């Protein structure tokens, strides 16, 4: 999936978060990474990366954030909203 692709289906996970929600965010991302077929080590890497992004959003973006995740066969995709839509995927 490239930045040009559109994710027209509703996300499998749509979670507004703040510093008190990081443990919930990590748990939900882990579930979705495993559902996408990622082995345990890879799922843990995805959880760590998403946690770091969320912590940075909290620290440098006003104290809150929003995570949206789409599951695709063999991949887990996320999108960030801004003036330009960008999508990123991690493959199993």
Protein backbone atom coordinates (compact mmCIF):
# COMPACT_ATOMS: atom_id res chain seq x y z
CA UNK A 1 0.00 0.00 0.00
CA UNK A 2 1.37 3.41 -0.89
CA UNK A 3 0.49 6.92 0.21
CA UNK A 4 -1.67 7.12 -2.90
CA UNK A 5 -3.95 4.27 -1.81
CA UNK A 6 -7.24 4.96 -0.11
CA UNK A 7 -8.61 3.09 2.85
CA UNK A 8 -12.32 3.35 2.14
CA UNK A 9 -13.51 0.76 4.64
CA UNK A 10 -14.11 1.61 8.29
CA UNK A 11 -11.03 1.03 10.45
CA UNK A 12 -10.78 -2.12 12.54
CA UNK A 13 -9.51 0.12 15.36
CA UNK A 14 -10.30 3.80 15.88
CA UNK A 15 -8.95 4.95 19.23
CA UNK A 16 -8.59 8.44 20.66
CA UNK A 17 -5.85 8.39 23.28
CA UNK A 18 -4.03 10.39 25.92
CA UNK A 19 -1.29 9.45 28.36
CA UNK A 20 -3.70 7.38 30.46
CA UNK A 21 -4.63 5.23 27.45
CA UNK A 22 -1.19 4.04 26.31
CA UNK A 23 -1.51 0.59 27.89
CA UNK A 24 -4.91 0.13 26.20
CA UNK A 25 -3.44 1.32 22.91
CA UNK A 26 -0.55 -1.18 23.16
CA UNK A 27 -2.90 -4.08 23.97
CA UNK A 28 -5.25 -3.30 21.09
CA UNK A 29 -2.43 -2.84 18.58
CA UNK A 30 -0.98 -6.20 19.66
CA UNK A 31 -4.33 -7.93 19.05
CA UNK A 32 -4.62 -6.41 15.57
CA UNK A 33 -1.01 -7.20 14.66
CA UNK A 34 -1.56 -10.85 15.63
CA UNK A 35 -4.81 -10.96 13.65
CA UNK A 36 -2.86 -9.68 10.63
CA UNK A 37 -0.69 -12.80 10.89
CA UNK A 38 2.43 -11.25 12.39
CA UNK A 39 4.55 -13.57 14.52
CA UNK A 40 5.05 -12.59 18.17
CA UNK A 41 8.37 -10.77 17.73
CA UNK A 42 7.13 -8.76 14.78
CA UNK A 43 3.87 -7.91 16.56
CA UNK A 44 5.92 -6.70 19.54
CA UNK A 45 8.00 -4.50 17.22
CA UNK A 46 4.83 -2.96 15.77
CA UNK A 47 3.46 -2.35 19.28
CA UNK A 48 6.71 -0.62 20.28
CA UNK A 49 6.72 1.58 17.16
CA UNK A 50 3.09 2.60 17.61
CA UNK A 51 3.66 3.29 21.31
CA UNK A 52 6.59 5.58 20.47
CA UNK A 53 4.52 7.44 17.88
CA UNK A 54 1.63 7.81 20.33
CA UNK A 55 3.93 9.02 23.12
CA UNK A 56 5.42 11.60 20.76
CA UNK A 57 1.93 12.73 19.70
CA UNK A 58 1.06 13.20 23.38
CA UNK A 59 4.32 14.98 24.23
CA UNK A 60 4.52 17.23 21.19
CA UNK A 61 0.97 17.38 19.84
CA UNK A 62 -1.19 18.77 22.58
CA UNK A 63 -1.56 15.79 24.89
CA UNK A 64 -3.90 13.62 22.80
CA UNK A 65 -3.95 11.66 19.58
CA UNK A 66 -6.02 9.31 17.47
CA UNK A 67 -5.00 5.94 16.07
CA UNK A 68 -6.85 4.32 13.18
CA UNK A 69 -5.85 0.85 12.02
CA UNK A 70 -7.02 -1.25 9.10
CA UNK A 71 -6.28 -4.95 8.82
CA UNK A 72 -5.31 -6.28 5.43
CA UNK A 73 -4.35 -9.87 4.62
CA UNK A 74 -0.75 -10.13 5.77
CA UNK A 75 -0.51 -6.46 6.76
CA UNK A 76 -1.57 -3.89 9.31
CA UNK A 77 -2.17 -0.37 8.00
CA UNK A 78 -2.51 2.97 9.73
CA UNK A 79 -3.37 6.43 8.49
CA UNK A 80 -2.64 9.82 9.88
CA UNK A 81 -4.94 12.73 9.15
CA UNK A 82 -3.52 16.04 8.08
CA UNK A 83 -3.84 18.26 5.09
CA UNK A 84 -2.45 15.30 3.13
CA UNK A 85 -3.59 11.74 3.77
CA UNK A 86 -0.77 9.25 4.28
CA UNK A 87 -1.01 5.56 4.88
CA UNK A 88 1.61 3.12 6.15
CA UNK A 89 1.58 -0.67 6.30
CA UNK A 90 3.62 -3.30 8.09
CA UNK A 91 3.65 -6.71 6.41
CA UNK A 92 3.61 -10.06 8.14
